[in-house]
Amino acid sequence: MRQPATLQANTHRYFGITAFLLEILVAVLTVATLAHRLAYAANSTLRSLTDQQVNFGGTIFKASFFLFIFLVLGCAIYVSLAYGFRKLLDINHTETYWDFTNRFASLTNLILIFNLIVFVLCLLTSSGNFGSFNVMLLFFSPVLLILNLGYIYSIIADVTTTRLDKFYTILLAEVALSLALFILFVIAGSLLGGSIGSYLEDFEHSFY
C-alpha cells in the first residue's frame, strides 16, 4: 500500500481478482444500504398518505446484483484493455495476464480504502439524514481518478523499448476505453430501462 507501483514478490496468483471483487462488493453494499434507507423513507411517506406499504427488498436485491455484474464487467474492460495496450507498446513484455492483473490491483488498491470509508459513513448516517449522503459522494470522486491513473501507468511504466510512441499509445488506449465503456453503458441502460418500466407498471397496478 505504501508503494503501489512496486508489486511485492510471491504475490498470490489471484490477488488482483480478489482485490477487485472486494472493492466492487463494498461499493455494491454501500449502494444497497443507501437504497434500503431511501425505501424506508419512501414507505414512511407512502404509509402516511395511503396506508399502503411497498416491499422494495426484491427490487433492491436485483438492482444490487445488476450493479455487481456491471462493475465486474467494467473492471474487466479496464484491466483487459490495459494489458492489451501494454503488450502492444512493450516489445519485451512477458508478463502474464494474471501477473498484470495483480500489478493493476496494486496500483488501484486505494480504491478499497475509499469504498470502506463511504460504507462506514453510510452505516453511521441515520435514515432521515439524507443531506450527509452528499458528503459521502465526495469520497467516491477519487475512485475514478485512481482507476484511470492506474490504467495509464500500468501501460507505460518501466517500458524502455517501444513499438509505438507512448503518447499515441495512451491516446489510443483512452479512445478504446471510452468506446468500450460507452457500449457497456448503452447495453446496461437498455436492460435497466426495460426493468424499470416493468417495475413501474407493476407498482401502478398495485394501487388498483
N, C-alpha and C. Protein backbone atom coordinates (compact mmCIF):
# COMPACT_ATOMS: atom_id res chain seq x y z
N MET A 1 0.82 -1.20 0.00
CA MET A 1 0.00 0.00 0.00
C MET A 1 0.86 1.26 0.00
N ARG A 2 2.03 1.19 0.67
CA ARG A 2 2.91 2.36 0.71
C ARG A 2 3.57 2.61 -0.63
N GLN A 3 3.84 1.53 -1.39
CA GLN A 3 4.45 1.64 -2.70
C GLN A 3 3.60 0.87 -3.71
N PRO A 4 2.49 1.46 -4.13
CA PRO A 4 1.57 0.73 -5.02
C PRO A 4 2.18 0.37 -6.36
N ALA A 5 3.19 1.14 -6.81
CA ALA A 5 3.80 0.85 -8.10
C ALA A 5 4.79 -0.31 -8.03
N THR A 6 5.12 -0.76 -6.82
CA THR A 6 6.05 -1.87 -6.64
C THR A 6 5.29 -3.09 -6.12
N LEU A 7 5.14 -4.09 -6.99
CA LEU A 7 4.42 -5.29 -6.61
C LEU A 7 5.33 -6.19 -5.78
N GLN A 8 4.82 -6.64 -4.64
CA GLN A 8 5.62 -7.49 -3.77
C GLN A 8 5.86 -8.85 -4.40
N ALA A 9 7.01 -9.42 -4.06
CA ALA A 9 7.36 -10.74 -4.58
C ALA A 9 6.44 -11.80 -3.98
N ASN A 10 6.27 -12.89 -4.72
CA ASN A 10 5.46 -14.03 -4.27
C ASN A 10 4.00 -13.64 -4.02
N THR A 11 3.52 -12.66 -4.79
CA THR A 11 2.11 -12.29 -4.69
C THR A 11 1.25 -13.43 -5.22
N HIS A 12 0.17 -13.72 -4.51
CA HIS A 12 -0.70 -14.82 -4.92
C HIS A 12 -1.28 -14.56 -6.31
N ARG A 13 -1.46 -15.62 -7.07
CA ARG A 13 -1.94 -15.53 -8.45
C ARG A 13 -3.25 -14.77 -8.55
N TYR A 14 -4.14 -14.97 -7.57
CA TYR A 14 -5.47 -14.37 -7.65
C TYR A 14 -5.62 -13.17 -6.72
N PHE A 15 -4.51 -12.56 -6.34
CA PHE A 15 -4.59 -11.36 -5.51
C PHE A 15 -5.37 -10.25 -6.21
N GLY A 16 -5.09 -10.05 -7.48
CA GLY A 16 -5.73 -8.97 -8.22
C GLY A 16 -7.23 -9.14 -8.31
N ILE A 17 -7.66 -10.34 -8.69
CA ILE A 17 -9.09 -10.60 -8.81
C ILE A 17 -9.78 -10.44 -7.46
N THR A 18 -9.16 -10.97 -6.41
CA THR A 18 -9.74 -10.86 -5.08
C THR A 18 -9.88 -9.40 -4.65
N ALA A 19 -8.84 -8.60 -4.91
CA ALA A 19 -8.87 -7.18 -4.54
C ALA A 19 -9.99 -6.45 -5.27
N PHE A 20 -10.11 -6.70 -6.58
CA PHE A 20 -11.16 -6.03 -7.36
C PHE A 20 -12.55 -6.44 -6.90
N LEU A 21 -12.74 -7.73 -6.61
CA LEU A 21 -14.05 -8.20 -6.16
C LEU A 21 -14.42 -7.59 -4.80
N LEU A 22 -13.43 -7.43 -3.92
CA LEU A 22 -13.70 -6.80 -2.62
C LEU A 22 -14.10 -5.34 -2.81
N GLU A 23 -13.39 -4.64 -3.68
CA GLU A 23 -13.72 -3.24 -3.93
C GLU A 23 -15.15 -3.11 -4.47
N ILE A 24 -15.49 -3.99 -5.41
CA ILE A 24 -16.83 -3.94 -6.01
C ILE A 24 -17.89 -4.32 -4.99
N LEU A 25 -17.61 -5.35 -4.19
CA LEU A 25 -18.59 -5.80 -3.20
C LEU A 25 -18.89 -4.71 -2.18
N VAL A 26 -17.87 -4.01 -1.70
CA VAL A 26 -18.09 -2.93 -0.73
C VAL A 26 -18.89 -1.80 -1.36
N ALA A 27 -18.60 -1.48 -2.62
CA ALA A 27 -19.34 -0.43 -3.31
C ALA A 27 -20.81 -0.81 -3.46
N VAL A 28 -21.07 -2.07 -3.82
CA VAL A 28 -22.45 -2.53 -4.00
C VAL A 28 -23.20 -2.54 -2.66
N LEU A 29 -22.52 -2.98 -1.60
CA LEU A 29 -23.14 -2.97 -0.27
C LEU A 29 -23.50 -1.56 0.16
N THR A 30 -22.65 -0.60 -0.19
CA THR A 30 -22.93 0.80 0.14
C THR A 30 -24.18 1.28 -0.58
N VAL A 31 -24.26 1.00 -1.86
CA VAL A 31 -25.43 1.41 -2.65
C VAL A 31 -26.69 0.72 -2.14
N ALA A 32 -26.58 -0.57 -1.82
CA ALA A 32 -27.74 -1.31 -1.33
C ALA A 32 -28.22 -0.76 0.02
N THR A 33 -27.27 -0.40 0.88
CA THR A 33 -27.63 0.19 2.18
C THR A 33 -28.35 1.52 1.99
N LEU A 34 -27.81 2.33 1.09
CA LEU A 34 -28.45 3.61 0.79
C LEU A 34 -29.84 3.41 0.20
N ALA A 35 -29.98 2.41 -0.68
CA ALA A 35 -31.28 2.14 -1.28
C ALA A 35 -32.30 1.70 -0.23
N HIS A 36 -31.87 0.90 0.73
CA HIS A 36 -32.78 0.49 1.80
C HIS A 36 -33.21 1.69 2.65
N ARG A 37 -32.29 2.63 2.88
CA ARG A 37 -32.64 3.83 3.63
C ARG A 37 -33.70 4.65 2.86
N LEU A 38 -33.48 4.78 1.56
CA LEU A 38 -34.43 5.53 0.73
C LEU A 38 -35.79 4.82 0.68
N ALA A 39 -35.75 3.48 0.59
CA ALA A 39 -37.00 2.72 0.56
C ALA A 39 -37.77 2.87 1.86
N TYR A 40 -37.05 2.89 2.98
CA TYR A 40 -37.70 3.07 4.28
C TYR A 40 -38.38 4.44 4.35
N ALA A 41 -37.69 5.48 3.87
CA ALA A 41 -38.27 6.82 3.89
C ALA A 41 -39.48 6.91 2.96
N ALA A 42 -39.37 6.25 1.79
CA ALA A 42 -40.48 6.27 0.84
C ALA A 42 -41.69 5.55 1.41
N ASN A 43 -41.46 4.43 2.08
CA ASN A 43 -42.58 3.70 2.68
C ASN A 43 -43.23 4.50 3.81
N SER A 44 -42.41 5.22 4.56
CA SER A 44 -42.96 6.04 5.64
C SER A 44 -43.88 7.12 5.08
N THR A 45 -43.44 7.75 3.99
CA THR A 45 -44.27 8.79 3.36
C THR A 45 -45.52 8.19 2.74
N LEU A 46 -45.35 7.03 2.06
CA LEU A 46 -46.48 6.39 1.41
C LEU A 46 -47.52 5.91 2.42
N ARG A 47 -47.04 5.40 3.53
CA ARG A 47 -47.94 4.89 4.56
C ARG A 47 -48.78 6.02 5.18
N SER A 48 -48.17 7.19 5.30
CA SER A 48 -48.89 8.32 5.87
C SER A 48 -49.95 8.87 4.91
N LEU A 49 -49.79 8.59 3.61
CA LEU A 49 -50.72 9.12 2.62
C LEU A 49 -51.79 8.12 2.22
N THR A 50 -51.42 6.85 2.08
CA THR A 50 -52.35 5.85 1.53
C THR A 50 -52.55 4.64 2.41
N ASP A 51 -51.85 4.55 3.52
CA ASP A 51 -51.92 3.38 4.40
C ASP A 51 -51.45 2.10 3.70
N GLN A 52 -50.64 2.27 2.65
CA GLN A 52 -50.08 1.13 1.94
C GLN A 52 -48.56 1.10 2.11
N GLN A 53 -48.03 -0.09 1.92
CA GLN A 53 -46.59 -0.26 2.03
C GLN A 53 -46.10 -1.12 0.86
N VAL A 54 -44.98 -0.72 0.27
CA VAL A 54 -44.42 -1.44 -0.87
C VAL A 54 -43.15 -2.15 -0.43
N ASN A 55 -43.02 -3.41 -0.82
CA ASN A 55 -41.83 -4.18 -0.49
C ASN A 55 -40.77 -3.95 -1.57
N PHE A 56 -39.75 -3.17 -1.22
CA PHE A 56 -38.68 -2.87 -2.17
C PHE A 56 -37.52 -3.86 -2.08
N GLY A 57 -37.60 -4.82 -1.15
CA GLY A 57 -36.46 -5.70 -0.90
C GLY A 57 -36.01 -6.46 -2.12
N GLY A 58 -36.97 -7.07 -2.83
CA GLY A 58 -36.62 -7.84 -4.03
C GLY A 58 -36.03 -6.98 -5.12
N THR A 59 -36.58 -5.78 -5.28
CA THR A 59 -36.09 -4.86 -6.30
C THR A 59 -34.67 -4.41 -5.98
N ILE A 60 -34.41 -4.10 -4.73
CA ILE A 60 -33.08 -3.66 -4.33
C ILE A 60 -32.05 -4.78 -4.54
N PHE A 61 -32.45 -6.02 -4.22
CA PHE A 61 -31.54 -7.15 -4.42
C PHE A 61 -31.20 -7.33 -5.89
N LYS A 62 -32.21 -7.27 -6.76
CA LYS A 62 -31.98 -7.42 -8.20
C LYS A 62 -31.10 -6.28 -8.73
N ALA A 63 -31.38 -5.06 -8.28
CA ALA A 63 -30.59 -3.91 -8.72
C ALA A 63 -29.14 -4.02 -8.24
N SER A 64 -28.95 -4.51 -7.02
CA SER A 64 -27.60 -4.67 -6.48
C SER A 64 -26.83 -5.73 -7.25
N PHE A 65 -27.51 -6.82 -7.59
CA PHE A 65 -26.86 -7.88 -8.39
C PHE A 65 -26.50 -7.36 -9.77
N PHE A 66 -27.41 -6.59 -10.37
CA PHE A 66 -27.14 -5.98 -11.68
C PHE A 66 -25.94 -5.05 -11.59
N LEU A 67 -25.87 -4.24 -10.54
CA LEU A 67 -24.75 -3.32 -10.36
C LEU A 67 -23.45 -4.09 -10.18
N PHE A 68 -23.49 -5.18 -9.44
CA PHE A 68 -22.29 -6.00 -9.23
C PHE A 68 -21.75 -6.53 -10.56
N ILE A 69 -22.63 -7.08 -11.39
CA ILE A 69 -22.22 -7.60 -12.69
C ILE A 69 -21.68 -6.47 -13.57
N PHE A 70 -22.35 -5.33 -13.54
CA PHE A 70 -21.93 -4.18 -14.33
C PHE A 70 -20.52 -3.73 -13.94
N LEU A 71 -20.26 -3.64 -12.63
CA LEU A 71 -18.94 -3.20 -12.17
C LEU A 71 -17.86 -4.24 -12.47
N VAL A 72 -18.21 -5.52 -12.38
CA VAL A 72 -17.24 -6.57 -12.72
C VAL A 72 -16.85 -6.47 -14.20
N LEU A 73 -17.84 -6.26 -15.06
CA LEU A 73 -17.55 -6.11 -16.49
C LEU A 73 -16.73 -4.86 -16.75
N GLY A 74 -17.07 -3.77 -16.07
CA GLY A 74 -16.30 -2.54 -16.23
C GLY A 74 -14.86 -2.72 -15.80
N CYS A 75 -14.65 -3.41 -14.69
CA CYS A 75 -13.30 -3.67 -14.20
C CYS A 75 -12.53 -4.54 -15.18
N ALA A 76 -13.20 -5.56 -15.73
CA ALA A 76 -12.56 -6.44 -16.71
C ALA A 76 -12.14 -5.66 -17.96
N ILE A 77 -12.96 -4.68 -18.35
CA ILE A 77 -12.61 -3.85 -19.50
C ILE A 77 -11.35 -3.05 -19.23
N TYR A 78 -11.27 -2.43 -18.06
CA TYR A 78 -10.08 -1.65 -17.70
C TYR A 78 -8.82 -2.51 -17.75
N VAL A 79 -8.86 -3.65 -17.08
CA VAL A 79 -7.67 -4.50 -16.97
C VAL A 79 -7.30 -5.09 -18.33
N SER A 80 -8.28 -5.58 -19.07
CA SER A 80 -8.00 -6.24 -20.34
C SER A 80 -7.45 -5.28 -21.37
N LEU A 81 -8.04 -4.08 -21.45
CA LEU A 81 -7.53 -3.09 -22.40
C LEU A 81 -6.13 -2.63 -22.02
N ALA A 82 -5.90 -2.42 -20.72
CA ALA A 82 -4.57 -2.02 -20.28
C ALA A 82 -3.54 -3.09 -20.61
N TYR A 83 -3.90 -4.34 -20.40
CA TYR A 83 -2.99 -5.45 -20.70
C TYR A 83 -2.71 -5.51 -22.21
N GLY A 84 -3.74 -5.34 -23.02
CA GLY A 84 -3.56 -5.38 -24.46
C GLY A 84 -2.66 -4.26 -24.97
N PHE A 85 -2.87 -3.06 -24.48
CA PHE A 85 -2.05 -1.94 -24.94
C PHE A 85 -0.63 -2.00 -24.37
N ARG A 86 -0.49 -2.60 -23.19
CA ARG A 86 0.86 -2.82 -22.65
C ARG A 86 1.65 -3.77 -23.56
N LYS A 87 1.00 -4.84 -24.01
CA LYS A 87 1.66 -5.78 -24.92
C LYS A 87 1.96 -5.12 -26.26
N LEU A 88 1.05 -4.25 -26.70
CA LEU A 88 1.27 -3.55 -27.96
C LEU A 88 2.44 -2.59 -27.86
N LEU A 89 2.58 -1.93 -26.72
CA LEU A 89 3.63 -0.92 -26.56
C LEU A 89 4.99 -1.53 -26.30
N ASP A 90 5.05 -2.49 -25.39
CA ASP A 90 6.32 -3.01 -24.89
C ASP A 90 6.79 -4.21 -25.72
N ILE A 91 7.91 -4.05 -26.40
CA ILE A 91 8.46 -5.13 -27.21
C ILE A 91 8.90 -6.30 -26.32
N ASN A 92 9.41 -5.98 -25.14
CA ASN A 92 9.94 -7.01 -24.24
C ASN A 92 8.93 -7.51 -23.22
N HIS A 93 7.66 -7.28 -23.46
CA HIS A 93 6.63 -7.65 -22.48
C HIS A 93 6.48 -9.17 -22.39
N THR A 94 6.64 -9.71 -21.19
CA THR A 94 6.49 -11.16 -20.96
C THR A 94 5.51 -11.46 -19.81
N GLU A 95 4.94 -10.45 -19.23
CA GLU A 95 4.07 -10.62 -18.07
C GLU A 95 2.77 -11.31 -18.46
N THR A 96 2.33 -12.27 -17.65
CA THR A 96 1.07 -12.95 -17.92
C THR A 96 -0.10 -12.04 -17.54
N TYR A 97 -1.29 -12.43 -18.00
CA TYR A 97 -2.48 -11.64 -17.70
C TYR A 97 -2.72 -11.57 -16.20
N TRP A 98 -2.52 -12.68 -15.48
CA TRP A 98 -2.76 -12.71 -14.05
C TRP A 98 -1.76 -11.85 -13.29
N ASP A 99 -0.48 -11.90 -13.71
CA ASP A 99 0.52 -11.05 -13.07
C ASP A 99 0.22 -9.58 -13.32
N PHE A 100 -0.25 -9.27 -14.53
CA PHE A 100 -0.59 -7.89 -14.85
C PHE A 100 -1.80 -7.44 -14.03
N THR A 101 -2.78 -8.33 -13.85
CA THR A 101 -3.95 -8.01 -13.02
C THR A 101 -3.52 -7.70 -11.59
N ASN A 102 -2.56 -8.46 -11.07
CA ASN A 102 -2.03 -8.19 -9.73
C ASN A 102 -1.38 -6.82 -9.66
N ARG A 103 -0.63 -6.48 -10.71
CA ARG A 103 0.03 -5.16 -10.73
C ARG A 103 -0.99 -4.03 -10.81
N PHE A 104 -2.00 -4.22 -11.62
CA PHE A 104 -3.05 -3.20 -11.75
C PHE A 104 -3.78 -3.04 -10.43
N ALA A 105 -4.08 -4.16 -9.76
CA ALA A 105 -4.76 -4.09 -8.47
C ALA A 105 -3.91 -3.40 -7.42
N SER A 106 -2.60 -3.63 -7.47
CA SER A 106 -1.70 -2.96 -6.53
C SER A 106 -1.71 -1.45 -6.73
N LEU A 107 -1.80 -1.02 -7.99
CA LEU A 107 -1.84 0.40 -8.30
C LEU A 107 -3.13 1.07 -7.83
N THR A 108 -4.22 0.31 -7.83
CA THR A 108 -5.53 0.89 -7.54
C THR A 108 -6.11 0.44 -6.20
N ASN A 109 -5.28 -0.11 -5.34
CA ASN A 109 -5.76 -0.67 -4.07
C ASN A 109 -6.33 0.40 -3.13
N LEU A 110 -5.96 1.66 -3.36
CA LEU A 110 -6.52 2.73 -2.53
C LEU A 110 -8.03 2.85 -2.68
N ILE A 111 -8.55 2.33 -3.80
CA ILE A 111 -10.00 2.39 -4.03
C ILE A 111 -10.74 1.67 -2.91
N LEU A 112 -10.19 0.56 -2.44
CA LEU A 112 -10.84 -0.19 -1.37
C LEU A 112 -10.97 0.65 -0.11
N ILE A 113 -9.95 1.46 0.19
CA ILE A 113 -10.00 2.31 1.38
C ILE A 113 -11.11 3.35 1.25
N PHE A 114 -11.19 4.00 0.09
CA PHE A 114 -12.25 4.99 -0.12
C PHE A 114 -13.63 4.35 -0.05
N ASN A 115 -13.78 3.15 -0.64
CA ASN A 115 -15.07 2.46 -0.60
C ASN A 115 -15.46 2.09 0.83
N LEU A 116 -14.49 1.66 1.63
CA LEU A 116 -14.77 1.31 3.02
C LEU A 116 -15.18 2.55 3.83
N ILE A 117 -14.53 3.68 3.56
CA ILE A 117 -14.88 4.92 4.25
C ILE A 117 -16.33 5.30 3.96
N VAL A 118 -16.71 5.22 2.67
CA VAL A 118 -18.08 5.57 2.29
C VAL A 118 -19.07 4.59 2.91
N PHE A 119 -18.72 3.31 2.95
CA PHE A 119 -19.60 2.31 3.52
C PHE A 119 -19.83 2.55 5.02
N VAL A 120 -18.77 2.87 5.74
CA VAL A 120 -18.90 3.14 7.17
C VAL A 120 -19.73 4.40 7.40
N LEU A 121 -19.51 5.43 6.58
CA LEU A 121 -20.31 6.65 6.70
C LEU A 121 -21.78 6.37 6.43
N CYS A 122 -22.03 5.48 5.47
CA CYS A 122 -23.40 5.13 5.15
C CYS A 122 -24.07 4.42 6.32
N LEU A 123 -23.33 3.55 7.01
CA LEU A 123 -23.88 2.84 8.16
C LEU A 123 -24.15 3.79 9.32
N LEU A 124 -23.33 4.84 9.45
CA LEU A 124 -23.47 5.77 10.56
C LEU A 124 -24.51 6.85 10.31
N THR A 125 -24.94 6.97 9.05
CA THR A 125 -25.91 8.01 8.70
C THR A 125 -27.31 7.53 9.00
N SER A 126 -28.08 8.36 9.66
CA SER A 126 -29.46 7.99 10.00
C SER A 126 -30.33 7.99 8.76
N SER A 127 -31.46 7.32 8.87
CA SER A 127 -32.35 7.14 7.71
C SER A 127 -32.87 8.47 7.16
N GLY A 128 -33.11 9.43 8.04
CA GLY A 128 -33.68 10.68 7.58
C GLY A 128 -32.67 11.74 7.23
N ASN A 129 -31.41 11.48 7.52
CA ASN A 129 -30.39 12.50 7.29
C ASN A 129 -29.77 12.33 5.91
N PHE A 130 -30.53 12.66 4.87
CA PHE A 130 -30.06 12.45 3.51
C PHE A 130 -29.09 13.53 3.05
N GLY A 131 -29.03 14.64 3.78
CA GLY A 131 -28.08 15.68 3.40
C GLY A 131 -26.64 15.22 3.52
N SER A 132 -26.37 14.36 4.50
CA SER A 132 -25.00 13.90 4.69
C SER A 132 -24.56 12.91 3.62
N PHE A 133 -25.52 12.38 2.84
CA PHE A 133 -25.15 11.48 1.76
C PHE A 133 -24.36 12.22 0.68
N ASN A 134 -24.59 13.52 0.55
CA ASN A 134 -23.82 14.30 -0.42
C ASN A 134 -22.34 14.32 -0.05
N VAL A 135 -22.06 14.35 1.24
CA VAL A 135 -20.66 14.33 1.69
C VAL A 135 -20.02 13.00 1.35
N MET A 136 -20.79 11.92 1.48
CA MET A 136 -20.24 10.59 1.18
C MET A 136 -19.86 10.47 -0.28
N LEU A 137 -20.62 11.11 -1.15
CA LEU A 137 -20.33 11.03 -2.58
C LEU A 137 -18.97 11.64 -2.92
N LEU A 138 -18.51 12.58 -2.09
CA LEU A 138 -17.20 13.19 -2.33
C LEU A 138 -16.08 12.16 -2.23
N PHE A 139 -16.28 11.13 -1.40
CA PHE A 139 -15.26 10.10 -1.25
C PHE A 139 -15.23 9.16 -2.45
N PHE A 140 -16.28 9.16 -3.25
CA PHE A 140 -16.29 8.33 -4.44
C PHE A 140 -15.53 8.99 -5.60
N SER A 141 -15.38 10.30 -5.57
CA SER A 141 -14.74 11.01 -6.68
C SER A 141 -13.30 10.58 -6.93
N PRO A 142 -12.49 10.29 -5.89
CA PRO A 142 -11.13 9.84 -6.17
C PRO A 142 -11.05 8.46 -6.80
N VAL A 143 -12.13 7.69 -6.73
CA VAL A 143 -12.08 6.32 -7.24
C VAL A 143 -11.80 6.29 -8.74
N LEU A 144 -12.54 7.08 -9.52
CA LEU A 144 -12.32 7.12 -10.96
C LEU A 144 -10.95 7.69 -11.30
N LEU A 145 -10.51 8.67 -10.50
CA LEU A 145 -9.18 9.25 -10.73
C LEU A 145 -8.10 8.18 -10.54
N ILE A 146 -8.17 7.43 -9.43
CA ILE A 146 -7.18 6.39 -9.17
C ILE A 146 -7.25 5.31 -10.23
N LEU A 147 -8.46 4.94 -10.64
CA LEU A 147 -8.63 3.89 -11.63
C LEU A 147 -8.02 4.29 -12.97
N ASN A 148 -8.24 5.53 -13.38
CA ASN A 148 -7.69 5.99 -14.66
C ASN A 148 -6.18 6.19 -14.60
N LEU A 149 -5.68 6.67 -13.46
CA LEU A 149 -4.23 6.79 -13.31
C LEU A 149 -3.57 5.41 -13.35
N GLY A 150 -4.19 4.44 -12.67
CA GLY A 150 -3.67 3.08 -12.72
C GLY A 150 -3.70 2.51 -14.13
N TYR A 151 -4.74 2.83 -14.88
CA TYR A 151 -4.89 2.37 -16.26
C TYR A 151 -3.73 2.89 -17.12
N ILE A 152 -3.47 4.19 -17.01
CA ILE A 152 -2.40 4.79 -17.81
C ILE A 152 -1.02 4.31 -17.36
N TYR A 153 -0.81 4.34 -16.06
CA TYR A 153 0.51 3.98 -15.52
C TYR A 153 0.87 2.53 -15.82
N SER A 154 -0.11 1.64 -15.73
CA SER A 154 0.17 0.22 -15.97
C SER A 154 0.58 -0.04 -17.41
N ILE A 155 0.20 0.84 -18.32
CA ILE A 155 0.54 0.66 -19.73
C ILE A 155 1.96 1.13 -20.03
N ILE A 156 2.37 2.25 -19.44
CA ILE A 156 3.64 2.86 -19.85
C ILE A 156 4.77 2.70 -18.84
N ALA A 157 4.49 2.25 -17.63
CA ALA A 157 5.52 2.20 -16.58
C ALA A 157 6.65 1.25 -16.95
N ASP A 158 7.88 1.73 -16.81
CA ASP A 158 9.09 0.92 -16.99
C ASP A 158 9.23 0.34 -18.39
N VAL A 159 8.60 0.93 -19.37
CA VAL A 159 8.75 0.46 -20.75
C VAL A 159 9.92 1.21 -21.38
N THR A 160 10.93 0.48 -21.79
CA THR A 160 12.13 1.11 -22.37
C THR A 160 12.21 0.95 -23.88
N THR A 161 11.73 -0.19 -24.39
CA THR A 161 11.75 -0.44 -25.83
C THR A 161 10.32 -0.53 -26.33
N THR A 162 9.94 0.44 -27.15
CA THR A 162 8.53 0.55 -27.54
C THR A 162 8.32 0.30 -29.03
N ARG A 163 7.11 -0.16 -29.34
CA ARG A 163 6.71 -0.30 -30.74
C ARG A 163 6.10 1.00 -31.26
N LEU A 164 5.40 1.69 -30.37
CA LEU A 164 4.75 2.94 -30.72
C LEU A 164 5.21 4.03 -29.76
N ASP A 165 4.92 5.26 -30.11
CA ASP A 165 5.17 6.37 -29.20
C ASP A 165 4.22 6.25 -28.01
N LYS A 166 4.72 6.52 -26.81
CA LYS A 166 3.92 6.35 -25.61
C LYS A 166 2.69 7.25 -25.61
N PHE A 167 2.85 8.46 -26.11
CA PHE A 167 1.72 9.39 -26.11
C PHE A 167 0.58 8.85 -26.98
N TYR A 168 0.91 8.38 -28.19
CA TYR A 168 -0.13 7.88 -29.08
C TYR A 168 -0.72 6.57 -28.56
N THR A 169 0.09 5.80 -27.85
CA THR A 169 -0.44 4.58 -27.25
C THR A 169 -1.48 4.91 -26.19
N ILE A 170 -1.17 5.88 -25.35
CA ILE A 170 -2.12 6.30 -24.32
C ILE A 170 -3.37 6.89 -24.95
N LEU A 171 -3.19 7.66 -26.02
CA LEU A 171 -4.34 8.25 -26.71
C LEU A 171 -5.26 7.16 -27.25
N LEU A 172 -4.67 6.16 -27.91
CA LEU A 172 -5.45 5.05 -28.44
C LEU A 172 -6.12 4.26 -27.31
N ALA A 173 -5.39 4.09 -26.22
CA ALA A 173 -5.93 3.34 -25.08
C ALA A 173 -7.12 4.06 -24.47
N GLU A 174 -7.06 5.38 -24.38
CA GLU A 174 -8.17 6.15 -23.81
C GLU A 174 -9.39 6.12 -24.74
N VAL A 175 -9.13 6.19 -26.05
CA VAL A 175 -10.23 6.12 -27.02
C VAL A 175 -10.90 4.75 -26.95
N ALA A 176 -10.09 3.69 -26.89
CA ALA A 176 -10.64 2.34 -26.80
C ALA A 176 -11.43 2.15 -25.52
N LEU A 177 -10.92 2.69 -24.43
CA LEU A 177 -11.62 2.59 -23.15
C LEU A 177 -12.95 3.33 -23.19
N SER A 178 -12.95 4.52 -23.77
CA SER A 178 -14.19 5.30 -23.87
C SER A 178 -15.25 4.56 -24.69
N LEU A 179 -14.82 3.98 -25.81
CA LEU A 179 -15.76 3.25 -26.67
C LEU A 179 -16.31 2.01 -25.95
N ALA A 180 -15.43 1.27 -25.29
CA ALA A 180 -15.86 0.05 -24.60
C ALA A 180 -16.83 0.38 -23.47
N LEU A 181 -16.53 1.41 -22.69
CA LEU A 181 -17.42 1.79 -21.60
C LEU A 181 -18.74 2.35 -22.12
N PHE A 182 -18.68 3.06 -23.25
CA PHE A 182 -19.91 3.58 -23.86
C PHE A 182 -20.83 2.44 -24.26
N ILE A 183 -20.27 1.41 -24.89
CA ILE A 183 -21.06 0.25 -25.29
C ILE A 183 -21.65 -0.45 -24.07
N LEU A 184 -20.84 -0.58 -23.01
CA LEU A 184 -21.32 -1.21 -21.78
C LEU A 184 -22.47 -0.42 -21.17
N PHE A 185 -22.34 0.92 -21.15
CA PHE A 185 -23.40 1.76 -20.60
C PHE A 185 -24.67 1.67 -21.43
N VAL A 186 -24.52 1.62 -22.76
CA VAL A 186 -25.70 1.52 -23.62
C VAL A 186 -26.44 0.22 -23.37
N ILE A 187 -25.70 -0.89 -23.30
CA ILE A 187 -26.32 -2.19 -23.05
C ILE A 187 -26.98 -2.21 -21.66
N ALA A 188 -26.25 -1.72 -20.66
CA ALA A 188 -26.79 -1.71 -19.30
C ALA A 188 -28.01 -0.79 -19.22
N GLY A 189 -27.96 0.34 -19.91
CA GLY A 189 -29.07 1.28 -19.89
C GLY A 189 -30.33 0.70 -20.51
N SER A 190 -30.16 -0.04 -21.61
CA SER A 190 -31.33 -0.64 -22.26
C SER A 190 -31.95 -1.72 -21.39
N LEU A 191 -31.10 -2.53 -20.75
CA LEU A 191 -31.61 -3.57 -19.86
C LEU A 191 -32.27 -2.98 -18.63
N LEU A 192 -31.62 -1.96 -18.06
CA LEU A 192 -32.17 -1.33 -16.86
C LEU A 192 -33.45 -0.57 -17.16
N GLY A 193 -33.48 0.08 -18.34
CA GLY A 193 -34.68 0.83 -18.71
C GLY A 193 -35.90 -0.07 -18.83
N GLY A 194 -35.71 -1.26 -19.43
CA GLY A 194 -36.81 -2.21 -19.54
C GLY A 194 -37.27 -2.70 -18.18
N SER A 195 -36.32 -2.95 -17.28
CA SER A 195 -36.67 -3.42 -15.94
C SER A 195 -37.43 -2.36 -15.15
N ILE A 196 -36.98 -1.10 -15.27
CA ILE A 196 -37.66 -0.01 -14.56
C ILE A 196 -39.08 0.17 -15.08
N GLY A 197 -39.25 0.10 -16.41
CA GLY A 197 -40.58 0.24 -16.98
C GLY A 197 -41.52 -0.85 -16.51
N SER A 198 -41.03 -2.08 -16.45
CA SER A 198 -41.84 -3.19 -15.96
C SER A 198 -42.20 -3.02 -14.49
N TYR A 199 -41.22 -2.55 -13.71
CA TYR A 199 -41.49 -2.36 -12.27
C TYR A 199 -42.51 -1.25 -12.04
N LEU A 200 -42.42 -0.17 -12.80
CA LEU A 200 -43.37 0.94 -12.63
C LEU A 200 -44.79 0.51 -12.98
N GLU A 201 -44.92 -0.35 -13.99
CA GLU A 201 -46.24 -0.85 -14.34
C GLU A 201 -46.83 -1.69 -13.21
N ASP A 202 -46.00 -2.57 -12.65
CA ASP A 202 -46.47 -3.38 -11.52
C ASP A 202 -46.81 -2.52 -10.31
N PHE A 203 -46.00 -1.48 -10.09
CA PHE A 203 -46.25 -0.59 -8.96
C PHE A 203 -47.56 0.17 -9.14
N GLU A 204 -47.83 0.59 -10.37
CA GLU A 204 -49.07 1.32 -10.64
C GLU A 204 -50.28 0.42 -10.46
N HIS A 205 -50.16 -0.85 -10.92
CA HIS A 205 -51.29 -1.77 -10.80
C HIS A 205 -51.58 -2.13 -9.35
N SER A 206 -50.59 -1.98 -8.47
CA SER A 206 -50.79 -2.35 -7.07
C SER A 206 -51.78 -1.41 -6.36
N PHE A 207 -52.06 -0.26 -6.98
CA PHE A 207 -52.98 0.68 -6.35
C PHE A 207 -54.44 0.44 -6.78
N TYR A 208 -54.62 -0.50 -7.70
CA TYR A 208 -55.98 -0.75 -8.18
C TYR A 208 -56.54 -2.02 -7.58
